[in-house]
Amino acid sequence: FPNRLYSAGNLSFSNNQWDIILGADLRHSDGYTISEDAY
């Protein structure tokens, strides 16, 4: 453990003139197999 990971974050700023947004995310998995017969 772990075999699956999700992480995300953002940062923002705003005033009378400026609007700023910065963000990123990551989705990672080692894969899974529930049935060998069905893709």
PDB file of all heavy atoms in Angstrom:
ATOM      1  N   PHE A   1       0.849  -1.197   0.000  1.00  0.00           N
ATOM      2  CA  PHE A   1       0.000   0.000   0.000  1.00  0.00           C
ATOM      3  C   PHE A   1       0.889   1.254   0.000  1.00  0.00           C
ATOM      4  O   PHE A   1       1.921   1.267   0.668  1.00  0.00           O
ATOM      5  CB  PHE A   1      -0.867  -0.035   1.259  1.00  0.00           C
ATOM      6  CG  PHE A   1      -1.720   1.178   1.473  1.00  0.00           C
ATOM      7  CD1 PHE A   1      -2.979   1.256   0.919  1.00  0.00           C
ATOM      8  CD2 PHE A   1      -1.260   2.251   2.217  1.00  0.00           C
ATOM      9  CE1 PHE A   1      -3.774   2.368   1.126  1.00  0.00           C
ATOM     10  CE2 PHE A   1      -2.037   3.365   2.428  1.00  0.00           C
ATOM     11  CZ  PHE A   1      -3.297   3.423   1.887  1.00  0.00           C
ATOM     12  N   PRO A   2       0.555   2.360  -0.712  1.00  0.00           N
ATOM     13  CA  PRO A   2      -0.655   2.517  -1.526  1.00  0.00           C
ATOM     14  C   PRO A   2      -0.413   2.128  -2.981  1.00  0.00           C
ATOM     15  O   PRO A   2       0.700   2.174  -3.475  1.00  0.00           O
ATOM     16  CB  PRO A   2      -0.922   4.022  -1.425  1.00  0.00           C
ATOM     17  CG  PRO A   2       0.458   4.615  -1.356  1.00  0.00           C
ATOM     18  CD  PRO A   2       1.286   3.633  -0.567  1.00  0.00           C
ATOM     19  N   ASN A   3      -1.496   1.749  -3.680  1.00  0.00           N
ATOM     20  CA  ASN A   3      -1.436   1.426  -5.101  1.00  0.00           C
ATOM     21  C   ASN A   3      -2.120   2.487  -5.955  1.00  0.00           C
ATOM     22  O   ASN A   3      -2.065   2.423  -7.173  1.00  0.00           O
ATOM     23  CB  ASN A   3      -2.117   0.077  -5.370  1.00  0.00           C
ATOM     24  CG  ASN A   3      -1.794  -0.967  -4.322  1.00  0.00           C
ATOM     25  OD1 ASN A   3      -2.706  -1.468  -3.680  1.00  0.00           O
ATOM     26  ND2 ASN A   3      -0.523  -1.272  -4.128  1.00  0.00           N
ATOM     27  N   ARG A   4      -2.791   3.402  -5.295  1.00  0.00           N
ATOM     28  CA  ARG A   4      -3.535   4.444  -6.019  1.00  0.00           C
ATOM     29  C   ARG A   4      -3.326   5.772  -5.298  1.00  0.00           C
ATOM     30  O   ARG A   4      -3.337   5.840  -4.063  1.00  0.00           O
ATOM     31  CB  ARG A   4      -5.025   4.086  -6.052  1.00  0.00           C
ATOM     32  CG  ARG A   4      -5.914   5.120  -6.713  1.00  0.00           C
ATOM     33  CD  ARG A   4      -7.352   4.645  -6.755  1.00  0.00           C
ATOM     34  NE  ARG A   4      -7.869   4.347  -5.423  1.00  0.00           N
ATOM     35  CZ  ARG A   4      -8.342   5.278  -4.589  1.00  0.00           C
ATOM     36  NH1 ARG A   4      -8.357   6.541  -4.949  1.00  0.00           N
ATOM     37  NH2 ARG A   4      -8.803   4.930  -3.400  1.00  0.00           N
ATOM     38  N   LEU A   5      -3.104   6.825  -6.079  1.00  0.00           N
ATOM     39  CA  LEU A   5      -2.798   8.130  -5.506  1.00  0.00           C
ATOM     40  C   LEU A   5      -3.522   9.220  -6.283  1.00  0.00           C
ATOM     41  O   LEU A   5      -3.552   9.205  -7.516  1.00  0.00           O
ATOM     42  CB  LEU A   5      -1.288   8.386  -5.548  1.00  0.00           C
ATOM     43  CG  LEU A   5      -0.814   9.824  -5.272  1.00  0.00           C
ATOM     44  CD1 LEU A   5      -1.075  10.198  -3.814  1.00  0.00           C
ATOM     45  CD2 LEU A   5       0.666   9.976  -5.608  1.00  0.00           C
ATOM     46  N   TYR A   6      -4.124  10.133  -5.550  1.00  0.00           N
ATOM     47  CA  TYR A   6      -4.690  11.352  -6.135  1.00  0.00           C
ATOM     48  C   TYR A   6      -4.263  12.526  -5.282  1.00  0.00           C
ATOM     49  O   TYR A   6      -4.414  12.503  -4.049  1.00  0.00           O
ATOM     50  CB  TYR A   6      -6.212  11.290  -6.199  1.00  0.00           C
ATOM     51  CG  TYR A   6      -6.849  12.618  -6.557  1.00  0.00           C
ATOM     52  CD1 TYR A   6      -6.824  13.096  -7.858  1.00  0.00           C
ATOM     53  CD2 TYR A   6      -7.463  13.404  -5.577  1.00  0.00           C
ATOM     54  CE1 TYR A   6      -7.401  14.311  -8.184  1.00  0.00           C
ATOM     55  CE2 TYR A   6      -8.034  14.628  -5.898  1.00  0.00           C
ATOM     56  CZ  TYR A   6      -8.001  15.070  -7.204  1.00  0.00           C
ATOM     57  OH  TYR A   6      -8.563  16.279  -7.513  1.00  0.00           O
ATOM     58  N   SER A   7      -3.698  13.540  -5.899  1.00  0.00           N
ATOM     59  CA  SER A   7      -3.311  14.751  -5.183  1.00  0.00           C
ATOM     60  C   SER A   7      -3.600  15.957  -6.058  1.00  0.00           C
ATOM     61  O   SER A   7      -3.473  15.891  -7.285  1.00  0.00           O
ATOM     62  CB  SER A   7      -1.819  14.715  -4.816  1.00  0.00           C
ATOM     63  OG  SER A   7      -1.012  14.617  -5.979  1.00  0.00           O
ATOM     64  N   ALA A   8      -4.031  17.041  -5.426  1.00  0.00           N
ATOM     65  CA  ALA A   8      -4.384  18.252  -6.163  1.00  0.00           C
ATOM     66  C   ALA A   8      -4.234  19.453  -5.249  1.00  0.00           C
ATOM     67  O   ALA A   8      -4.379  19.350  -4.027  1.00  0.00           O
ATOM     68  CB  ALA A   8      -5.812  18.166  -6.708  1.00  0.00           C
ATOM     69  N   GLY A   9      -3.955  20.586  -5.851  1.00  0.00           N
ATOM     70  CA  GLY A   9      -3.847  21.807  -5.079  1.00  0.00           C
ATOM     71  C   GLY A   9      -3.974  23.025  -5.972  1.00  0.00           C
ATOM     72  O   GLY A   9      -3.682  22.972  -7.169  1.00  0.00           O
ATOM     73  N   ASN A  10      -4.465  24.118  -5.402  1.00  0.00           N
ATOM     74  CA  ASN A  10      -4.519  25.364  -6.149  1.00  0.00           C
ATOM     75  C   ASN A  10      -4.287  26.543  -5.217  1.00  0.00           C
ATOM     76  O   ASN A  10      -4.458  26.447  -4.000  1.00  0.00           O
ATOM     77  CB  ASN A  10      -5.849  25.512  -6.915  1.00  0.00           C
ATOM     78  CG  ASN A  10      -7.054  25.437  -6.000  1.00  0.00           C
ATOM     79  OD1 ASN A  10      -7.069  25.993  -4.906  1.00  0.00           O
ATOM     80  ND2 ASN A  10      -8.087  24.723  -6.438  1.00  0.00           N
ATOM     81  N   LEU A  11      -3.891  27.649  -5.804  1.00  0.00           N
ATOM     82  CA  LEU A  11      -3.611  28.882  -5.082  1.00  0.00           C
ATOM     83  C   LEU A  11      -4.156  30.030  -5.915  1.00  0.00           C
ATOM     84  O   LEU A  11      -3.961  30.066  -7.138  1.00  0.00           O
ATOM     85  CB  LEU A  11      -2.104  29.047  -4.865  1.00  0.00           C
ATOM     86  CG  LEU A  11      -1.644  30.283  -4.091  1.00  0.00           C
ATOM     87  CD1 LEU A  11      -2.100  30.203  -2.634  1.00  0.00           C
ATOM     88  CD2 LEU A  11      -0.126  30.420  -4.164  1.00  0.00           C
ATOM     89  N   SER A  12      -4.850  30.963  -5.274  1.00  0.00           N
ATOM     90  CA  SER A  12      -5.433  32.076  -6.018  1.00  0.00           C
ATOM     91  C   SER A  12      -5.259  33.380  -5.247  1.00  0.00           C
ATOM     92  O   SER A  12      -5.131  33.384  -4.022  1.00  0.00           O
ATOM     93  CB  SER A  12      -6.923  31.829  -6.303  1.00  0.00           C
ATOM     94  OG  SER A  12      -7.671  31.823  -5.107  1.00  0.00           O
ATOM     95  N   PHE A  13      -5.275  34.474  -6.013  1.00  0.00           N
ATOM     96  CA  PHE A  13      -5.170  35.809  -5.432  1.00  0.00           C
ATOM     97  C   PHE A  13      -5.986  36.774  -6.284  1.00  0.00           C
ATOM     98  O   PHE A  13      -6.019  36.666  -7.510  1.00  0.00           O
ATOM     99  CB  PHE A  13      -3.718  36.282  -5.379  1.00  0.00           C
ATOM    100  CG  PHE A  13      -3.563  37.733  -5.007  1.00  0.00           C
ATOM    101  CD1 PHE A  13      -3.708  38.145  -3.687  1.00  0.00           C
ATOM    102  CD2 PHE A  13      -3.309  38.694  -5.969  1.00  0.00           C
ATOM    103  CE1 PHE A  13      -3.578  39.479  -3.333  1.00  0.00           C
ATOM    104  CE2 PHE A  13      -3.188  40.031  -5.643  1.00  0.00           C
ATOM    105  CZ  PHE A  13      -3.321  40.426  -4.306  1.00  0.00           C
ATOM    106  N   SER A  14      -6.635  37.717  -5.621  1.00  0.00           N
ATOM    107  CA  SER A  14      -7.416  38.705  -6.348  1.00  0.00           C
ATOM    108  C   SER A  14      -7.460  40.007  -5.561  1.00  0.00           C
ATOM    109  O   SER A  14      -7.573  40.001  -4.327  1.00  0.00           O
ATOM    110  CB  SER A  14      -8.844  38.190  -6.596  1.00  0.00           C
ATOM    111  OG  SER A  14      -9.617  39.159  -7.283  1.00  0.00           O
ATOM    112  N   ASN A  15      -7.329  41.140  -6.286  1.00  0.00           N
ATOM    113  CA  ASN A  15      -7.559  42.461  -5.710  1.00  0.00           C
ATOM    114  C   ASN A  15      -8.273  43.309  -6.749  1.00  0.00           C
ATOM    115  O   ASN A  15      -8.881  42.765  -7.677  1.00  0.00           O
ATOM    116  CB  ASN A  15      -6.257  43.105  -5.225  1.00  0.00           C
ATOM    117  CG  ASN A  15      -5.232  43.293  -6.348  1.00  0.00           C
ATOM    118  OD1 ASN A  15      -5.572  43.218  -7.534  1.00  0.00           O
ATOM    119  ND2 ASN A  15      -3.976  43.519  -5.983  1.00  0.00           N
ATOM    120  N   ASN A  16      -8.219  44.603  -6.632  1.00  0.00           N
ATOM    121  CA  ASN A  16      -8.968  45.466  -7.547  1.00  0.00           C
ATOM    122  C   ASN A  16      -8.450  45.403  -8.972  1.00  0.00           C
ATOM    123  O   ASN A  16      -9.157  45.797  -9.907  1.00  0.00           O
ATOM    124  CB  ASN A  16      -8.922  46.909  -7.049  1.00  0.00           C
ATOM    125  CG  ASN A  16      -9.684  47.096  -5.749  1.00  0.00           C
ATOM    126  OD1 ASN A  16     -10.644  46.359  -5.472  1.00  0.00           O
ATOM    127  ND2 ASN A  16      -9.266  48.059  -4.931  1.00  0.00           N
ATOM    128  N   GLN A  17      -7.204  44.936  -9.167  1.00  0.00           N
ATOM    129  CA  GLN A  17      -6.633  44.900 -10.512  1.00  0.00           C
ATOM    130  C   GLN A  17      -6.245  43.502 -10.968  1.00  0.00           C
ATOM    131  O   GLN A  17      -6.480  43.132 -12.110  1.00  0.00           O
ATOM    132  CB  GLN A  17      -5.397  45.818 -10.576  1.00  0.00           C
ATOM    133  CG  GLN A  17      -5.729  47.307 -10.544  1.00  0.00           C
ATOM    134  CD  GLN A  17      -4.495  48.158 -10.775  1.00  0.00           C
ATOM    135  OE1 GLN A  17      -3.468  47.970 -10.139  1.00  0.00           O
ATOM    136  NE2 GLN A  17      -4.588  49.097 -11.698  1.00  0.00           N
ATOM    137  N   TRP A  18      -5.654  42.699 -10.085  1.00  0.00           N
ATOM    138  CA  TRP A  18      -5.081  41.431 -10.492  1.00  0.00           C
ATOM    139  C   TRP A  18      -5.948  40.239 -10.076  1.00  0.00           C
ATOM    140  O   TRP A  18      -6.522  40.225  -9.006  1.00  0.00           O
ATOM    141  CB  TRP A  18      -3.688  41.246  -9.889  1.00  0.00           C
ATOM    142  CG  TRP A  18      -2.643  42.108 -10.513  1.00  0.00           C
ATOM    143  CD1 TRP A  18      -2.160  43.303 -10.038  1.00  0.00           C
ATOM    144  CD2 TRP A  18      -1.946  41.852 -11.734  1.00  0.00           C
ATOM    145  NE1 TRP A  18      -1.204  43.800 -10.887  1.00  0.00           N
ATOM    146  CE2 TRP A  18      -1.047  42.926 -11.940  1.00  0.00           C
ATOM    147  CE3 TRP A  18      -1.982  40.819 -12.675  1.00  0.00           C
ATOM    148  CZ2 TRP A  18      -0.203  42.992 -13.041  1.00  0.00           C
ATOM    149  CZ3 TRP A  18      -1.145  40.879 -13.779  1.00  0.00           C
ATOM    150  CH2 TRP A  18      -0.267  41.955 -13.953  1.00  0.00           C
ATOM    151  N   ASP A  19      -6.016  39.232 -10.977  1.00  0.00           N
ATOM    152  CA  ASP A  19      -6.592  37.920 -10.685  1.00  0.00           C
ATOM    153  C   ASP A  19      -5.554  36.873 -11.071  1.00  0.00           C
ATOM    154  O   ASP A  19      -5.100  36.838 -12.226  1.00  0.00           O
ATOM    155  CB  ASP A  19      -7.882  37.672 -11.479  1.00  0.00           C
ATOM    156  CG  ASP A  19      -9.033  38.533 -10.998  1.00  0.00           C
ATOM    157  OD1 ASP A  19      -9.027  38.910  -9.819  1.00  0.00           O
ATOM    158  OD2 ASP A  19      -9.932  38.822 -11.814  1.00  0.00           O
ATOM    159  N   ILE A  20      -5.186  36.024 -10.114  1.00  0.00           N
ATOM    160  CA  ILE A  20      -4.170  35.007 -10.358  1.00  0.00           C
ATOM    161  C   ILE A  20      -4.682  33.662  -9.839  1.00  0.00           C
ATOM    162  O   ILE A  20      -5.166  33.571  -8.711  1.00  0.00           O
ATOM    163  CB  ILE A  20      -2.835  35.351  -9.670  1.00  0.00           C
ATOM    164  CG1 ILE A  20      -2.329  36.725 -10.133  1.00  0.00           C
ATOM    165  CG2 ILE A  20      -1.788  34.282  -9.947  1.00  0.00           C
ATOM    166  CD1 ILE A  20      -1.100  37.196  -9.382  1.00  0.00           C
ATOM    167  N   ILE A  21      -4.580  32.625 -10.677  1.00  0.00           N
ATOM    168  CA  ILE A  21      -4.963  31.264 -10.288  1.00  0.00           C
ATOM    169  C   ILE A  21      -3.877  30.304 -10.752  1.00  0.00           C
ATOM    170  O   ILE A  21      -3.457  30.344 -11.915  1.00  0.00           O
ATOM    171  CB  ILE A  21      -6.315  30.846 -10.889  1.00  0.00           C
ATOM    172  CG1 ILE A  21      -7.421  31.825 -10.510  1.00  0.00           C
ATOM    173  CG2 ILE A  21      -6.684  29.442 -10.425  1.00  0.00           C
ATOM    174  CD1 ILE A  21      -8.751  31.496 -11.164  1.00  0.00           C
ATOM    175  N   LEU A  22      -3.427  29.442  -9.860  1.00  0.00           N
ATOM    176  CA  LEU A  22      -2.419  28.442 -10.181  1.00  0.00           C
ATOM    177  C   LEU A  22      -2.867  27.115  -9.587  1.00  0.00           C
ATOM    178  O   LEU A  22      -3.246  27.057  -8.411  1.00  0.00           O
ATOM    179  CB  LEU A  22      -1.062  28.841  -9.601  1.00  0.00           C
ATOM    180  CG  LEU A  22       0.087  27.831  -9.728  1.00  0.00           C
ATOM    181  CD1 LEU A  22       0.436  27.617 -11.195  1.00  0.00           C
ATOM    182  CD2 LEU A  22       1.302  28.303  -8.948  1.00  0.00           C
ATOM    183  N   GLY A  23      -2.857  26.043 -10.390  1.00  0.00           N
ATOM    184  CA  GLY A  23      -3.311  24.758  -9.879  1.00  0.00           C
ATOM    185  C   GLY A  23      -2.719  23.591 -10.644  1.00  0.00           C
ATOM    186  O   GLY A  23      -2.270  23.731 -11.791  1.00  0.00           O
ATOM    187  N   ALA A  24      -2.711  22.421 -10.004  1.00  0.00           N
ATOM    188  CA  ALA A  24      -2.217  21.195 -10.633  1.00  0.00           C
ATOM    189  C   ALA A  24      -2.795  19.992  -9.911  1.00  0.00           C
ATOM    190  O   ALA A  24      -3.172  20.076  -8.742  1.00  0.00           O
ATOM    191  CB  ALA A  24      -0.690  21.148 -10.607  1.00  0.00           C
ATOM    192  N   ASP A  25      -2.874  18.869 -10.630  1.00  0.00           N
ATOM    193  CA  ASP A  25      -3.302  17.630 -10.000  1.00  0.00           C
ATOM    194  C   ASP A  25      -2.568  16.456 -10.628  1.00  0.00           C
ATOM    195  O   ASP A  25      -2.010  16.552 -11.725  1.00  0.00           O
ATOM    196  CB  ASP A  25      -4.822  17.446 -10.084  1.00  0.00           C
ATOM    197  CG  ASP A  25      -5.276  16.912 -11.437  1.00  0.00           C
ATOM    198  OD1 ASP A  25      -4.556  17.148 -12.428  1.00  0.00           O
ATOM    199  OD2 ASP A  25      -6.330  16.278 -11.511  1.00  0.00           O
ATOM    200  N   LEU A  26      -2.547  15.327  -9.897  1.00  0.00           N
ATOM    201  CA  LEU A  26      -1.897  14.101 -10.356  1.00  0.00           C
ATOM    202  C   LEU A  26      -2.773  12.923  -9.970  1.00  0.00           C
ATOM    203  O   LEU A  26      -3.191  12.796  -8.812  1.00  0.00           O
ATOM    204  CB  LEU A  26      -0.514  13.945  -9.725  1.00  0.00           C
ATOM    205  CG  LEU A  26       0.207  12.611  -9.990  1.00  0.00           C
ATOM    206  CD1 LEU A  26       0.534  12.474 -11.469  1.00  0.00           C
ATOM    207  CD2 LEU A  26       1.467  12.507  -9.152  1.00  0.00           C
ATOM    208  N   ARG A  27      -3.067  12.056 -10.943  1.00  0.00           N
ATOM    209  CA  ARG A  27      -3.826  10.836 -10.710  1.00  0.00           C
ATOM    210  C   ARG A  27      -2.962   9.652 -11.133  1.00  0.00           C
ATOM    211  O   ARG A  27      -2.628   9.521 -12.310  1.00  0.00           O
ATOM    212  CB  ARG A  27      -5.127  10.862 -11.518  1.00  0.00           C
ATOM    213  CG  ARG A  27      -6.159  11.872 -11.033  1.00  0.00           C
ATOM    214  CD  ARG A  27      -7.189  12.188 -12.110  1.00  0.00           C
ATOM    215  NE  ARG A  27      -6.690  13.209 -13.032  1.00  0.00           N
ATOM    216  CZ  ARG A  27      -7.094  13.324 -14.298  1.00  0.00           C
ATOM    217  NH1 ARG A  27      -7.964  12.468 -14.788  1.00  0.00           N
ATOM    218  NH2 ARG A  27      -6.605  14.275 -15.065  1.00  0.00           N
ATOM    219  N   HIS A  28      -2.581   8.828 -10.167  1.00  0.00           N
ATOM    220  CA  HIS A  28      -1.669   7.706 -10.445  1.00  0.00           C
ATOM    221  C   HIS A  28      -2.259   6.403  -9.922  1.00  0.00           C
ATOM    222  O   HIS A  28      -2.883   6.368  -8.858  1.00  0.00           O
ATOM    223  CB  HIS A  28      -0.311   7.958  -9.785  1.00  0.00           C
ATOM    224  CG  HIS A  28       0.687   6.865 -10.061  1.00  0.00           C
ATOM    225  ND1 HIS A  28       0.770   5.721  -9.290  1.00  0.00           N
ATOM    226  CD2 HIS A  28       1.627   6.739 -11.020  1.00  0.00           C
ATOM    227  CE1 HIS A  28       1.722   4.942  -9.776  1.00  0.00           C
ATOM    228  NE2 HIS A  28       2.256   5.528 -10.819  1.00  0.00           N
ATOM    229  N   SER A  29      -2.057   5.330 -10.673  1.00  0.00           N
ATOM    230  CA  SER A  29      -2.550   4.011 -10.265  1.00  0.00           C
ATOM    231  C   SER A  29      -1.590   2.937 -10.752  1.00  0.00           C
ATOM    232  O   SER A  29      -0.976   3.080 -11.827  1.00  0.00           O
ATOM    233  CB  SER A  29      -3.951   3.758 -10.824  1.00  0.00           C
ATOM    234  OG  SER A  29      -4.384   2.433 -10.545  1.00  0.00           O
ATOM    235  N   ASP A  30      -1.457   1.868  -9.976  1.00  0.00           N
ATOM    236  CA  ASP A  30      -0.670   0.707 -10.394  1.00  0.00           C
ATOM    237  C   ASP A  30      -1.493  -0.264 -11.229  1.00  0.00           C
ATOM    238  O   ASP A  30      -0.983  -1.301 -11.653  1.00  0.00           O
ATOM    239  CB  ASP A  30      -0.121  -0.030  -9.168  1.00  0.00           C
ATOM    240  CG  ASP A  30       0.981   0.752  -8.479  1.00  0.00           C
ATOM    241  OD1 ASP A  30       1.604   1.606  -9.138  1.00  0.00           O
ATOM    242  OD2 ASP A  30       1.217   0.521  -7.280  1.00  0.00           O
ATOM    243  N   GLY A  31      -2.764   0.041 -11.455  1.00  0.00           N
ATOM    244  CA  GLY A  31      -3.629  -0.820 -12.251  1.00  0.00           C
ATOM    245  C   GLY A  31      -4.316  -1.876 -11.418  1.00  0.00           C
ATOM    246  O   GLY A  31      -3.889  -2.213 -10.311  1.00  0.00           O
ATOM    247  N   TYR A  32      -5.445  -2.401 -11.947  1.00  0.00           N
ATOM    248  CA  TYR A  32      -6.186  -3.445 -11.249  1.00  0.00           C
ATOM    249  C   TYR A  32      -6.772  -4.410 -12.270  1.00  0.00           C
ATOM    250  O   TYR A  32      -6.946  -4.080 -13.453  1.00  0.00           O
ATOM    251  CB  TYR A  32      -7.307  -2.848 -10.398  1.00  0.00           C
ATOM    252  CG  TYR A  32      -8.333  -2.055 -11.181  1.00  0.00           C
ATOM    253  CD1 TYR A  32      -9.434  -2.684 -11.759  1.00  0.00           C
ATOM    254  CD2 TYR A  32      -8.195  -0.684 -11.350  1.00  0.00           C
ATOM    255  CE1 TYR A  32     -10.369  -1.969 -12.495  1.00  0.00           C
ATOM    256  CE2 TYR A  32      -9.122   0.039 -12.074  1.00  0.00           C
ATOM    257  CZ  TYR A  32     -10.207  -0.602 -12.645  1.00  0.00           C
ATOM    258  OH  TYR A  32     -11.118   0.107 -13.375  1.00  0.00           O
ATOM    259  N   THR A  33      -7.069  -5.615 -11.826  1.00  0.00           N
ATOM    260  CA  THR A  33      -7.687  -6.635 -12.670  1.00  0.00           C
ATOM    261  C   THR A  33      -8.808  -7.288 -11.875  1.00  0.00           C
ATOM    262  O   THR A  33      -8.559  -8.076 -10.959  1.00  0.00           O
ATOM    263  CB  THR A  33      -6.671  -7.701 -13.105  1.00  0.00           C
ATOM    264  OG1 THR A  33      -5.604  -7.072 -13.820  1.00  0.00           O
ATOM    265  CG2 THR A  33      -7.337  -8.729 -14.014  1.00  0.00           C
ATOM    266  N   ILE A  34     -10.036  -6.943 -12.204  1.00  0.00           N
ATOM    267  CA  ILE A  34     -11.195  -7.559 -11.553  1.00  0.00           C
ATOM    268  C   ILE A  34     -11.532  -8.889 -12.221  1.00  0.00           C
ATOM    269  O   ILE A  34     -11.887  -9.860 -11.569  1.00  0.00           O
ATOM    270  CB  ILE A  34     -12.397  -6.599 -11.593  1.00  0.00           C
ATOM    271  CG1 ILE A  34     -12.053  -5.313 -10.823  1.00  0.00           C
ATOM    272  CG2 ILE A  34     -13.639  -7.254 -11.016  1.00  0.00           C
ATOM    273  CD1 ILE A  34     -13.139  -4.281 -10.870  1.00  0.00           C
ATOM    274  N   SER A  35     -11.404  -8.929 -13.554  1.00  0.00           N
ATOM    275  CA  SER A  35     -11.674 -10.154 -14.299  1.00  0.00           C
ATOM    276  C   SER A  35     -10.694 -10.239 -15.469  1.00  0.00           C
ATOM    277  O   SER A  35     -10.496  -9.256 -16.188  1.00  0.00           O
ATOM    278  CB  SER A  35     -13.114 -10.182 -14.807  1.00  0.00           C
ATOM    279  OG  SER A  35     -13.320 -11.281 -15.690  1.00  0.00           O
ATOM    280  N   GLU A  36     -10.102 -11.410 -15.673  1.00  0.00           N
ATOM    281  CA  GLU A  36      -9.179 -11.616 -16.784  1.00  0.00           C
ATOM    282  C   GLU A  36      -9.909 -11.702 -18.118  1.00  0.00           C
ATOM    283  O   GLU A  36      -9.300 -11.550 -19.179  1.00  0.00           O
ATOM    284  CB  GLU A  36      -8.367 -12.898 -16.559  1.00  0.00           C
ATOM    285  CG  GLU A  36      -7.486 -12.885 -15.330  1.00  0.00           C
ATOM    286  CD  GLU A  36      -6.243 -12.025 -15.506  1.00  0.00           C
ATOM    287  OE1 GLU A  36      -6.021 -11.556 -16.645  1.00  0.00           O
ATOM    288  OE2 GLU A  36      -5.516 -11.822 -14.522  1.00  0.00           O
ATOM    289  N   ASP A  37     -11.206 -11.944 -18.077  1.00  0.00           N
ATOM    290  CA  ASP A  37     -11.962 -12.202 -19.300  1.00  0.00           C
ATOM    291  C   ASP A  37     -12.625 -10.961 -19.885  1.00  0.00           C
ATOM    292  O   ASP A  37     -13.234 -11.043 -20.937  1.00  0.00           O
ATOM    293  CB  ASP A  37     -13.035 -13.266 -19.036  1.00  0.00           C
ATOM    294  CG  ASP A  37     -12.433 -14.575 -18.565  1.00  0.00           C
ATOM    295  OD1 ASP A  37     -11.327 -14.909 -19.029  1.00  0.00           O
ATOM    296  OD2 ASP A  37     -13.062 -15.241 -17.710  1.00  0.00           O
ATOM    297  N   ALA A  38     -12.552  -9.837 -19.179  1.00  0.00           N
ATOM    298  CA  ALA A  38     -13.257  -8.630 -19.654  1.00  0.00           C
ATOM    299  C   ALA A  38     -12.321  -7.440 -19.559  1.00  0.00           C
ATOM    300  O   ALA A  38     -11.868  -7.094 -18.467  1.00  0.00           O
ATOM    301  CB  ALA A  38     -14.524  -8.390 -18.830  1.00  0.00           C
ATOM    302  N   TYR A  39     -12.035  -6.799 -20.704  1.00  0.00           N
ATOM    303  CA  TYR A  39     -11.094  -5.685 -20.714  1.00  0.00           C
ATOM    304  C   TYR A  39     -11.634  -4.495 -19.927  1.00  0.00           C
ATOM    305  O   TYR A  39     -10.870  -3.731 -19.338  1.00  0.00           O
ATOM    306  CB  TYR A  39     -10.785  -5.261 -22.154  1.00  0.00           C
ATOM    307  CG  TYR A  39     -11.904  -4.517 -22.845  1.00  0.00           C
ATOM    308  CD1 TYR A  39     -11.987  -3.130 -22.805  1.00  0.00           C
ATOM    309  CD2 TYR A  39     -12.889  -5.206 -23.536  1.00  0.00           C
ATOM    310  CE1 TYR A  39     -13.013  -2.452 -23.439  1.00  0.00           C
ATOM    311  CE2 TYR A  39     -13.918  -4.540 -24.165  1.00  0.00           C
ATOM    312  CZ  TYR A  39     -13.974  -3.165 -24.117  1.00  0.00           C
ATOM    313  OH  TYR A  39     -14.994  -2.500 -24.741  1.00  0.00           O
TER     314      TYR A  39
END
